[in-house]
Structure formats: C-alpha cells, structure tokens
Amino acid sequence: MGGHRGTEYRLIMLVICGVCALGPLSAAFPIVEHYANIGLGLLLAIGGLAWVFRAVRREVRIRARLRALDGRDPARQNQTAVAAVHPANGGRW
C-alpha cells in the first residue's frame, strides 16, 4: 500500500462527515443549506471551467506539435520526391 492512500482515505471521510453534518445543521439553520448550495454550485462551475481549459490547452499543444513535425521535414510531405532522390546520383533529381 502506498503512502498516499491514507491521505485519500482521510479526504473521503472528511467529505462524508461534512455531508452528514450539513443535514442537522440545515434543519436547524436554513441559511446553511442555502450557502452549501451556493458553494457546491461554485465548485462545480470552477471544476467545469478547469476541465474545459485543460482540454483546450491539450488540443492547442497537440496541434502545435503536429505543425512542428510538418514544418521540420518538408520531404515527408511528398513521399514520391523522397523516393526520387537517391544517394547514387548525389542527391540530385
């Protein structure tokens, strides 16, 4: 077992205990439920934006790598030209 499993366990238990504590608190104080809903909405919105940002950044990085590969070796784009250039004739056509 890795050392990080204890941290994951504590985090999961903290979330479960927090949700269980919200029940009685929101029954006694309705404002607690209101703020919990606002906090959950903000967390979901931030998480969604982070996911979209990560996906866009990944796509931009992939496209930049593909452009770099295409521009680095122009002979790759025309495979017939590569076959026509042979070292026996000094690399000439």
PDB file of N, CA and C in Angstrom:
ATOM      1  N   MET A   1       0.834  -1.188   0.000  1.00  0.00           N
ATOM      2  CA  MET A   1       0.000   0.000   0.000  1.00  0.00           C
ATOM      3  C   MET A   1       0.873   1.243   0.000  1.00  0.00           C
ATOM      4  N   GLY A   2       0.519   2.194  -0.850  1.00  0.00           N
ATOM      5  CA  GLY A   2       1.295   3.421  -0.925  1.00  0.00           C
ATOM      6  C   GLY A   2       0.974   4.361   0.223  1.00  0.00           C
ATOM      7  N   GLY A   3       1.829   5.333   0.409  1.00  0.00           N
ATOM      8  CA  GLY A   3       1.641   6.291   1.479  1.00  0.00           C
ATOM      9  C   GLY A   3       0.510   7.272   1.228  1.00  0.00           C
ATOM     10  N   HIS A   4       0.135   7.446  -0.022  1.00  0.00           N
ATOM     11  CA  HIS A   4      -0.906   8.422  -0.331  1.00  0.00           C
ATOM     12  C   HIS A   4      -2.302   7.885  -0.052  1.00  0.00           C
ATOM     13  N   ARG A   5      -2.453   6.588   0.167  1.00  0.00           N
ATOM     14  CA  ARG A   5      -3.785   6.019   0.390  1.00  0.00           C
ATOM     15  C   ARG A   5      -4.388   6.520   1.702  1.00  0.00           C
ATOM     16  N   GLY A   6      -3.562   6.766   2.702  1.00  0.00           N
ATOM     17  CA  GLY A   6      -4.071   7.312   3.950  1.00  0.00           C
ATOM     18  C   GLY A   6      -4.633   8.702   3.757  1.00  0.00           C
ATOM     19  N   THR A   7      -3.977   9.495   2.934  1.00  0.00           N
ATOM     20  CA  THR A   7      -4.454  10.845   2.642  1.00  0.00           C
ATOM     21  C   THR A   7      -5.774  10.793   1.885  1.00  0.00           C
ATOM     22  N   GLU A   8      -5.880   9.877   0.919  1.00  0.00           N
ATOM     23  CA  GLU A   8      -7.130   9.739   0.170  1.00  0.00           C
ATOM     24  C   GLU A   8      -8.259   9.308   1.095  1.00  0.00           C
ATOM     25  N   TYR A   9      -7.975   8.380   1.985  1.00  0.00           N
ATOM     26  CA  TYR A   9      -8.981   7.899   2.926  1.00  0.00           C
ATOM     27  C   TYR A   9      -9.466   9.040   3.808  1.00  0.00           C
ATOM     28  N   ARG A  10      -8.542   9.825   4.335  1.00  0.00           N
ATOM     29  CA  ARG A  10      -8.936  10.944   5.194  1.00  0.00           C
ATOM     30  C   ARG A  10      -9.762  11.972   4.430  1.00  0.00           C
ATOM     31  N   LEU A  11      -9.420  12.219   3.170  1.00  0.00           N
ATOM     32  CA  LEU A  11     -10.183  13.175   2.370  1.00  0.00           C
ATOM     33  C   LEU A  11     -11.600  12.665   2.114  1.00  0.00           C
ATOM     34  N   ILE A  12     -11.721  11.386   1.774  1.00  0.00           N
ATOM     35  CA  ILE A  12     -13.048  10.806   1.536  1.00  0.00           C
ATOM     36  C   ILE A  12     -13.890  10.861   2.806  1.00  0.00           C
ATOM     37  N   MET A  13     -13.299  10.516   3.935  1.00  0.00           N
ATOM     38  CA  MET A  13     -14.031  10.552   5.202  1.00  0.00           C
ATOM     39  C   MET A  13     -14.413  11.977   5.591  1.00  0.00           C
ATOM     40  N   LEU A  14     -13.559  12.940   5.281  1.00  0.00           N
ATOM     41  CA  LEU A  14     -13.882  14.337   5.560  1.00  0.00           C
ATOM     42  C   LEU A  14     -15.098  14.778   4.758  1.00  0.00           C
ATOM     43  N   VAL A  15     -15.155  14.383   3.485  1.00  0.00           N
ATOM     44  CA  VAL A  15     -16.301  14.750   2.642  1.00  0.00           C
ATOM     45  C   VAL A  15     -17.570  14.089   3.167  1.00  0.00           C
ATOM     46  N   ILE A  16     -17.492  12.815   3.509  1.00  0.00           N
ATOM     47  CA  ILE A  16     -18.671  12.106   4.023  1.00  0.00           C
ATOM     48  C   ILE A  16     -19.152  12.732   5.325  1.00  0.00           C
ATOM     49  N   CYS A  17     -18.231  13.028   6.236  1.00  0.00           N
ATOM     50  CA  CYS A  17     -18.615  13.649   7.512  1.00  0.00           C
ATOM     51  C   CYS A  17     -19.182  15.050   7.303  1.00  0.00           C
ATOM     52  N   GLY A  18     -18.632  15.763   6.349  1.00  0.00           N
ATOM     53  CA  GLY A  18     -19.151  17.101   6.059  1.00  0.00           C
ATOM     54  C   GLY A  18     -20.570  17.068   5.529  1.00  0.00           C
ATOM     55  N   VAL A  19     -20.849  16.112   4.647  1.00  0.00           N
ATOM     56  CA  VAL A  19     -22.208  15.977   4.119  1.00  0.00           C
ATOM     57  C   VAL A  19     -23.160  15.559   5.223  1.00  0.00           C
ATOM     58  N   CYS A  20     -22.731  14.640   6.090  1.00  0.00           N
ATOM     59  CA  CYS A  20     -23.578  14.198   7.199  1.00  0.00           C
ATOM     60  C   CYS A  20     -23.820  15.330   8.202  1.00  0.00           C
ATOM     61  N   ALA A  21     -22.867  16.207   8.371  1.00  0.00           N
ATOM     62  CA  ALA A  21     -23.033  17.328   9.309  1.00  0.00           C
ATOM     63  C   ALA A  21     -23.951  18.397   8.733  1.00  0.00           C
ATOM     64  N   LEU A  22     -24.023  18.486   7.414  1.00  0.00           N
ATOM     65  CA  LEU A  22     -24.888  19.501   6.810  1.00  0.00           C
ATOM     66  C   LEU A  22     -26.367  19.219   7.039  1.00  0.00           C
ATOM     67  N   GLY A  23     -26.746  17.945   7.181  1.00  0.00           N
ATOM     68  CA  GLY A  23     -28.154  17.587   7.383  1.00  0.00           C
ATOM     69  C   GLY A  23     -28.749  18.231   8.618  1.00  0.00           C
ATOM     70  N   PRO A  24     -28.224  17.922   9.801  1.00  0.00           N
ATOM     71  CA  PRO A  24     -28.796  18.532  11.008  1.00  0.00           C
ATOM     72  C   PRO A  24     -28.601  20.048  11.064  1.00  0.00           C
ATOM     73  N   LEU A  25     -27.472  20.520  10.551  1.00  0.00           N
ATOM     74  CA  LEU A  25     -27.250  21.974  10.580  1.00  0.00           C
ATOM     75  C   LEU A  25     -28.260  22.707   9.706  1.00  0.00           C
ATOM     76  N   SER A  26     -28.555  22.131   8.519  1.00  0.00           N
ATOM     77  CA  SER A  26     -29.506  22.813   7.642  1.00  0.00           C
ATOM     78  C   SER A  26     -30.930  22.696   8.172  1.00  0.00           C
ATOM     79  N   ALA A  27     -31.212  21.670   8.988  1.00  0.00           N
ATOM     80  CA  ALA A  27     -32.538  21.571   9.605  1.00  0.00           C
ATOM     81  C   ALA A  27     -32.701  22.659  10.669  1.00  0.00           C
ATOM     82  N   ALA A  28     -31.623  22.947  11.387  1.00  0.00           N
ATOM     83  CA  ALA A  28     -31.706  23.964  12.436  1.00  0.00           C
ATOM     84  C   ALA A  28     -31.545  25.366  11.865  1.00  0.00           C
ATOM     85  N   PHE A  29     -30.694  25.507  10.878  1.00  0.00           N
ATOM     86  CA  PHE A  29     -30.425  26.814  10.287  1.00  0.00           C
ATOM     87  C   PHE A  29     -30.574  26.710   8.763  1.00  0.00           C
ATOM     88  N   PRO A  30     -31.698  27.146   8.189  1.00  0.00           N
ATOM     89  CA  PRO A  30     -31.902  27.008   6.741  1.00  0.00           C
ATOM     90  C   PRO A  30     -30.865  27.763   5.899  1.00  0.00           C
ATOM     91  N   ILE A  31     -30.227  28.759   6.457  1.00  0.00           N
ATOM     92  CA  ILE A  31     -29.229  29.516   5.700  1.00  0.00           C
ATOM     93  C   ILE A  31     -28.015  28.645   5.378  1.00  0.00           C
ATOM     94  N   VAL A  32     -27.739  27.632   6.214  1.00  0.00           N
ATOM     95  CA  VAL A  32     -26.611  26.729   5.973  1.00  0.00           C
ATOM     96  C   VAL A  32     -26.820  25.987   4.654  1.00  0.00           C
ATOM     97  N   GLU A  33     -28.050  25.504   4.415  1.00  0.00           N
ATOM     98  CA  GLU A  33     -28.340  24.797   3.169  1.00  0.00           C
ATOM     99  C   GLU A  33     -28.192  25.740   1.969  1.00  0.00           C
ATOM    100  N   HIS A  34     -28.621  26.962   2.150  1.00  0.00           N
ATOM    101  CA  HIS A  34     -28.501  27.944   1.069  1.00  0.00           C
ATOM    102  C   HIS A  34     -27.033  28.159   0.695  1.00  0.00           C
ATOM    103  N   TYR A  35     -26.193  28.376   1.694  1.00  0.00           N
ATOM    104  CA  TYR A  35     -24.774  28.603   1.410  1.00  0.00           C
ATOM    105  C   TYR A  35     -24.073  27.338   0.923  1.00  0.00           C
ATOM    106  N   ALA A  36     -24.518  26.176   1.383  1.00  0.00           N
ATOM    107  CA  ALA A  36     -23.944  24.923   0.892  1.00  0.00           C
ATOM    108  C   ALA A  36     -24.266  24.748  -0.587  1.00  0.00           C
ATOM    109  N   ASN A  37     -25.471  25.096  -0.986  1.00  0.00           N
ATOM    110  CA  ASN A  37     -25.847  25.006  -2.401  1.00  0.00           C
ATOM    111  C   ASN A  37     -25.041  25.979  -3.252  1.00  0.00           C
ATOM    112  N   ILE A  38     -24.833  27.169  -2.746  1.00  0.00           N
ATOM    113  CA  ILE A  38     -24.025  28.151  -3.477  1.00  0.00           C
ATOM    114  C   ILE A  38     -22.590  27.645  -3.606  1.00  0.00           C
ATOM    115  N   GLY A  39     -22.035  27.121  -2.517  1.00  0.00           N
ATOM    116  CA  GLY A  39     -20.668  26.599  -2.546  1.00  0.00           C
ATOM    117  C   GLY A  39     -20.529  25.431  -3.501  1.00  0.00           C
ATOM    118  N   LEU A  40     -21.495  24.521  -3.507  1.00  0.00           N
ATOM    119  CA  LEU A  40     -21.451  23.391  -4.421  1.00  0.00           C
ATOM    120  C   LEU A  40     -21.555  23.859  -5.867  1.00  0.00           C
ATOM    121  N   GLY A  41     -22.409  24.826  -6.121  1.00  0.00           N
ATOM    122  CA  GLY A  41     -22.514  25.371  -7.482  1.00  0.00           C
ATOM    123  C   GLY A  41     -21.219  26.010  -7.951  1.00  0.00           C
ATOM    124  N   LEU A  42     -20.581  26.752  -7.048  1.00  0.00           N
ATOM    125  CA  LEU A  42     -19.298  27.366  -7.401  1.00  0.00           C
ATOM    126  C   LEU A  42     -18.219  26.315  -7.661  1.00  0.00           C
ATOM    127  N   LEU A  43     -18.189  25.278  -6.833  1.00  0.00           N
ATOM    128  CA  LEU A  43     -17.206  24.211  -7.039  1.00  0.00           C
ATOM    129  C   LEU A  43     -17.422  23.499  -8.380  1.00  0.00           C
ATOM    130  N   LEU A  44     -18.680  23.235  -8.715  1.00  0.00           N
ATOM    131  CA  LEU A  44     -18.962  22.587  -9.994  1.00  0.00           C
ATOM    132  C   LEU A  44     -18.612  23.497 -11.169  1.00  0.00           C
ATOM    133  N   ALA A  45     -18.900  24.778 -11.044  1.00  0.00           N
ATOM    134  CA  ALA A  45     -18.569  25.715 -12.123  1.00  0.00           C
ATOM    135  C   ALA A  45     -17.056  25.830 -12.307  1.00  0.00           C
ATOM    136  N   ILE A  46     -16.329  25.946 -11.221  1.00  0.00           N
ATOM    137  CA  ILE A  46     -14.864  26.042 -11.311  1.00  0.00           C
ATOM    138  C   ILE A  46     -14.286  24.753 -11.875  1.00  0.00           C
ATOM    139  N   GLY A  47     -14.810  23.618 -11.432  1.00  0.00           N
ATOM    140  CA  GLY A  47     -14.344  22.335 -11.955  1.00  0.00           C
ATOM    141  C   GLY A  47     -14.621  22.192 -13.447  1.00  0.00           C
ATOM    142  N   GLY A  48     -15.790  22.628 -13.881  1.00  0.00           N
ATOM    143  CA  GLY A  48     -16.122  22.571 -15.307  1.00  0.00           C
ATOM    144  C   GLY A  48     -15.228  23.470 -16.135  1.00  0.00           C
ATOM    145  N   LEU A  49     -14.980  24.675 -15.647  1.00  0.00           N
ATOM    146  CA  LEU A  49     -14.093  25.591 -16.369  1.00  0.00           C
ATOM    147  C   LEU A  49     -12.667  25.057 -16.425  1.00  0.00           C
ATOM    148  N   ALA A  50     -12.218  24.445 -15.337  1.00  0.00           N
ATOM    149  CA  ALA A  50     -10.870  23.871 -15.328  1.00  0.00           C
ATOM    150  C   ALA A  50     -10.773  22.722 -16.324  1.00  0.00           C
ATOM    151  N   TRP A  51     -11.817  21.906 -16.414  1.00  0.00           N
ATOM    152  CA  TRP A  51     -11.823  20.795 -17.371  1.00  0.00           C
ATOM    153  C   TRP A  51     -11.786  21.308 -18.813  1.00  0.00           C
ATOM    154  N   VAL A  52     -12.585  22.336 -19.103  1.00  0.00           N
ATOM    155  CA  VAL A  52     -12.599  22.913 -20.461  1.00  0.00           C
ATOM    156  C   VAL A  52     -11.242  23.532 -20.774  1.00  0.00           C
ATOM    157  N   PHE A  53     -10.658  24.273 -19.839  1.00  0.00           N
ATOM    158  CA  PHE A  53      -9.359  24.894 -20.049  1.00  0.00           C
ATOM    159  C   PHE A  53      -8.297  23.840 -20.315  1.00  0.00           C
ATOM    160  N   ARG A  54      -8.335  22.736 -19.557  1.00  0.00           N
ATOM    161  CA  ARG A  54      -7.365  21.661 -19.744  1.00  0.00           C
ATOM    162  C   ARG A  54      -7.516  21.015 -21.114  1.00  0.00           C
ATOM    163  N   ALA A  55      -8.758  20.796 -21.543  1.00  0.00           N
ATOM    164  CA  ALA A  55      -8.987  20.177 -22.853  1.00  0.00           C
ATOM    165  C   ALA A  55      -8.527  21.089 -23.986  1.00  0.00           C
ATOM    166  N   VAL A  56      -8.794  22.382 -23.869  1.00  0.00           N
ATOM    167  CA  VAL A  56      -8.376  23.328 -24.909  1.00  0.00           C
ATOM    168  C   VAL A  56      -6.852  23.428 -24.943  1.00  0.00           C
ATOM    169  N   ARG A  57      -6.234  23.502 -23.778  1.00  0.00           N
ATOM    170  CA  ARG A  57      -4.769  23.587 -23.729  1.00  0.00           C
ATOM    171  C   ARG A  57      -4.118  22.343 -24.327  1.00  0.00           C
ATOM    172  N   ARG A  58      -4.686  21.194 -24.060  1.00  0.00           N
ATOM    173  CA  ARG A  58      -4.163  19.937 -24.626  1.00  0.00           C
ATOM    174  C   ARG A  58      -4.298  19.940 -26.147  1.00  0.00           C
ATOM    175  N   GLU A  59      -5.437  20.375 -26.651  1.00  0.00           N
ATOM    176  CA  GLU A  59      -5.650  20.409 -28.097  1.00  0.00           C
ATOM    177  C   GLU A  59      -4.684  21.382 -28.771  1.00  0.00           C
ATOM    178  N   VAL A  60      -4.467  22.534 -28.169  1.00  0.00           N
ATOM    179  CA  VAL A  60      -3.531  23.515 -28.733  1.00  0.00           C
ATOM    180  C   VAL A  60      -2.117  22.949 -28.750  1.00  0.00           C
ATOM    181  N   ARG A  61      -1.741  22.256 -27.684  1.00  0.00           N
ATOM    182  CA  ARG A  61      -0.403  21.653 -27.624  1.00  0.00           C
ATOM    183  C   ARG A  61      -0.224  20.573 -28.690  1.00  0.00           C
ATOM    184  N   ILE A  62      -1.245  19.750 -28.887  1.00  0.00           N
ATOM    185  CA  ILE A  62      -1.168  18.699 -29.905  1.00  0.00           C
ATOM    186  C   ILE A  62      -1.043  19.303 -31.291  1.00  0.00           C
ATOM    187  N   ARG A  63      -1.842  20.327 -31.575  1.00  0.00           N
ATOM    188  CA  ARG A  63      -1.782  20.960 -32.896  1.00  0.00           C
ATOM    189  C   ARG A  63      -0.433  21.640 -33.129  1.00  0.00           C
ATOM    190  N   ALA A  64       0.144  22.230 -32.089  1.00  0.00           N
ATOM    191  CA  ALA A  64       1.457  22.856 -32.229  1.00  0.00           C
ATOM    192  C   ALA A  64       2.528  21.808 -32.529  1.00  0.00           C
ATOM    193  N   ARG A  65       2.440  20.658 -31.871  1.00  0.00           N
ATOM    194  CA  ARG A  65       3.403  19.589 -32.149  1.00  0.00           C
ATOM    195  C   ARG A  65       3.258  19.074 -33.575  1.00  0.00           C
ATOM    196  N   LEU A  66       2.026  18.934 -34.042  1.00  0.00           N
ATOM    197  CA  LEU A  66       1.818  18.468 -35.418  1.00  0.00           C
ATOM    198  C   LEU A  66       2.343  19.480 -36.431  1.00  0.00           C
ATOM    199  N   ARG A  67       2.118  20.768 -36.158  1.00  0.00           N
ATOM    200  CA  ARG A  67       2.656  21.802 -37.054  1.00  0.00           C
ATOM    201  C   ARG A  67       4.177  21.774 -37.071  1.00  0.00           C
ATOM    202  N   ALA A  68       4.786  21.553 -35.918  1.00  0.00           N
ATOM    203  CA  ALA A  68       6.247  21.492 -35.846  1.00  0.00           C
ATOM    204  C   ALA A  68       6.768  20.292 -36.624  1.00  0.00           C
ATOM    205  N   LEU A  69       6.080  19.168 -36.550  1.00  0.00           N
ATOM    206  CA  LEU A  69       6.501  17.990 -37.309  1.00  0.00           C
ATOM    207  C   LEU A  69       6.356  18.221 -38.813  1.00  0.00           C
ATOM    208  N   ASP A  70       5.272  18.872 -39.233  1.00  0.00           N
ATOM    209  CA  ASP A  70       5.068  19.136 -40.653  1.00  0.00           C
ATOM    210  C   ASP A  70       6.101  20.107 -41.196  1.00  0.00           C
ATOM    211  N   GLY A  71       6.464  21.103 -40.432  1.00  0.00           N
ATOM    212  CA  GLY A  71       7.400  22.113 -40.916  1.00  0.00           C
ATOM    213  C   GLY A  71       8.847  21.694 -40.819  1.00  0.00           C
ATOM    214  N   ARG A  72       9.151  20.720 -39.992  1.00  0.00           N
ATOM    215  CA  ARG A  72      10.534  20.340 -39.775  1.00  0.00           C
ATOM    216  C   ARG A  72      11.126  19.604 -40.976  1.00  0.00           C
ATOM    217  N   ASP A  73      10.359  18.748 -41.603  1.00  0.00           N
ATOM    218  CA  ASP A  73      10.887  17.937 -42.696  1.00  0.00           C
ATOM    219  C   ASP A  73       9.947  18.033 -43.895  1.00  0.00           C
ATOM    220  N   PRO A  74      10.171  19.002 -44.795  1.00  0.00           N
ATOM    221  CA  PRO A  74       9.270  19.165 -45.939  1.00  0.00           C
ATOM    222  C   PRO A  74       9.276  17.949 -46.864  1.00  0.00           C
ATOM    223  N   ALA A  75      10.340  17.163 -46.860  1.00  0.00           N
ATOM    224  CA  ALA A  75      10.381  15.995 -47.740  1.00  0.00           C
ATOM    225  C   ALA A  75       9.357  14.942 -47.324  1.00  0.00           C
ATOM    226  N   ARG A  76       8.943  14.945 -46.055  1.00  0.00           N
ATOM    227  CA  ARG A  76       7.925  13.994 -45.603  1.00  0.00           C
ATOM    228  C   ARG A  76       6.586  14.243 -46.275  1.00  0.00           C
ATOM    229  N   GLN A  77       6.334  15.469 -46.626  1.00  0.00           N
ATOM    230  CA  GLN A  77       5.047  15.800 -47.221  1.00  0.00           C
ATOM    231  C   GLN A  77       4.915  15.232 -48.619  1.00  0.00           C
ATOM    232  N   ASN A  78       6.016  15.018 -49.316  1.00  0.00           N
ATOM    233  CA  ASN A  78       5.973  14.499 -50.673  1.00  0.00           C
ATOM    234  C   ASN A  78       6.844  13.239 -50.720  1.00  0.00           C
ATOM    235  N   GLN A  79       6.229  12.104 -50.489  1.00  0.00           N
ATOM    236  CA  GLN A  79       6.974  10.854 -50.414  1.00  0.00           C
ATOM    237  C   GLN A  79       7.546  10.434 -51.762  1.00  0.00           C
ATOM    238  N   THR A  80       6.931  10.856 -52.881  1.00  0.00           N
ATOM    239  CA  THR A  80       7.479  10.500 -54.189  1.00  0.00           C
ATOM    240  C   THR A  80       8.792  11.232 -54.426  1.00  0.00           C
ATOM    241  N   ALA A  81       8.919  12.447 -53.890  1.00  0.00           N
ATOM    242  CA  ALA A  81      10.171  13.185 -54.035  1.00  0.00           C
ATOM    243  C   ALA A  81      11.278  12.500 -53.241  1.00  0.00           C
ATOM    244  N   VAL A  82      10.948  11.943 -52.102  1.00  0.00           N
ATOM    245  CA  VAL A  82      11.940  11.245 -51.303  1.00  0.00           C
ATOM    246  C   VAL A  82      12.426  10.011 -52.046  1.00  0.00           C
ATOM    247  N   ALA A  83      11.525   9.304 -52.711  1.00  0.00           N
ATOM    248  CA  ALA A  83      11.903   8.108 -53.456  1.00  0.00           C
ATOM    249  C   ALA A  83      12.732   8.470 -54.681  1.00  0.00           C
ATOM    250  N   ALA A  84      12.491   9.637 -55.279  1.00  0.00           N
ATOM    251  CA  ALA A  84      13.211  10.023 -56.492  1.00  0.00           C
ATOM    252  C   ALA A  84      14.641  10.457 -56.176  1.00  0.00           C
ATOM    253  N   VAL A  85      14.896  11.039 -55.005  1.00  0.00           N
ATOM    254  CA  VAL A  85      16.234  11.488 -54.644  1.00  0.00           C
ATOM    255  C   VAL A  85      16.993  10.280 -54.115  1.00  0.00           C
ATOM    256  N   HIS A  86      18.033   9.935 -54.766  1.00  0.00           N
ATOM    257  CA  HIS A  86      18.792   8.742 -54.401  1.00  0.00           C
ATOM    258  C   HIS A  86      20.253   9.134 -54.179  1.00  0.00           C
ATOM    259  N   PRO A  87      20.919   8.582 -53.187  1.00  0.00           N
ATOM    260  CA  PRO A  87      22.297   8.973 -52.920  1.00  0.00           C
ATOM    261  C   PRO A  87      23.248   8.611 -54.059  1.00  0.00           C
ATOM    262  N   ALA A  88      22.876   7.685 -54.922  1.00  0.00           N
ATOM    263  CA  ALA A  88      23.774   7.279 -56.012  1.00  0.00           C
ATOM    264  C   ALA A  88      23.999   8.403 -57.012  1.00  0.00           C
ATOM    265  N   ASN A  89      23.028   9.266 -57.203  1.00  0.00           N
ATOM    266  CA  ASN A  89      23.204  10.367 -58.145  1.00  0.00           C
ATOM    267  C   ASN A  89      23.524  11.675 -57.427  1.00  0.00           C
ATOM    268  N   GLY A  90      24.043  11.565 -56.216  1.00  0.00           N
ATOM    269  CA  GLY A  90      24.471  12.758 -55.487  1.00  0.00           C
ATOM    270  C   GLY A  90      23.331  13.540 -54.882  1.00  0.00           C
ATOM    271  N   GLY A  91      22.188  12.925 -54.741  1.00  0.00           N
ATOM    272  CA  GLY A  91      21.043  13.608 -54.165  1.00  0.00           C
ATOM    273  C   GLY A  91      20.326  14.504 -55.145  1.00  0.00           C
ATOM    274  N   ARG A  92      20.693  14.425 -56.412  1.00  0.00           N
ATOM    275  CA  ARG A  92      20.009  15.243 -57.425  1.00  0.00           C
ATOM    276  C   ARG A  92      18.846  14.469 -57.995  1.00  0.00           C
ATOM    277  N   TRP A  93      17.963  15.170 -58.658  1.00  0.00           N
ATOM    278  CA  TRP A  93      16.776  14.548 -59.279  1.00  0.00           C
ATOM    279  C   TRP A  93      17.157  13.712 -60.423  1.00  0.00           C
TER     280      TRP A  93
END
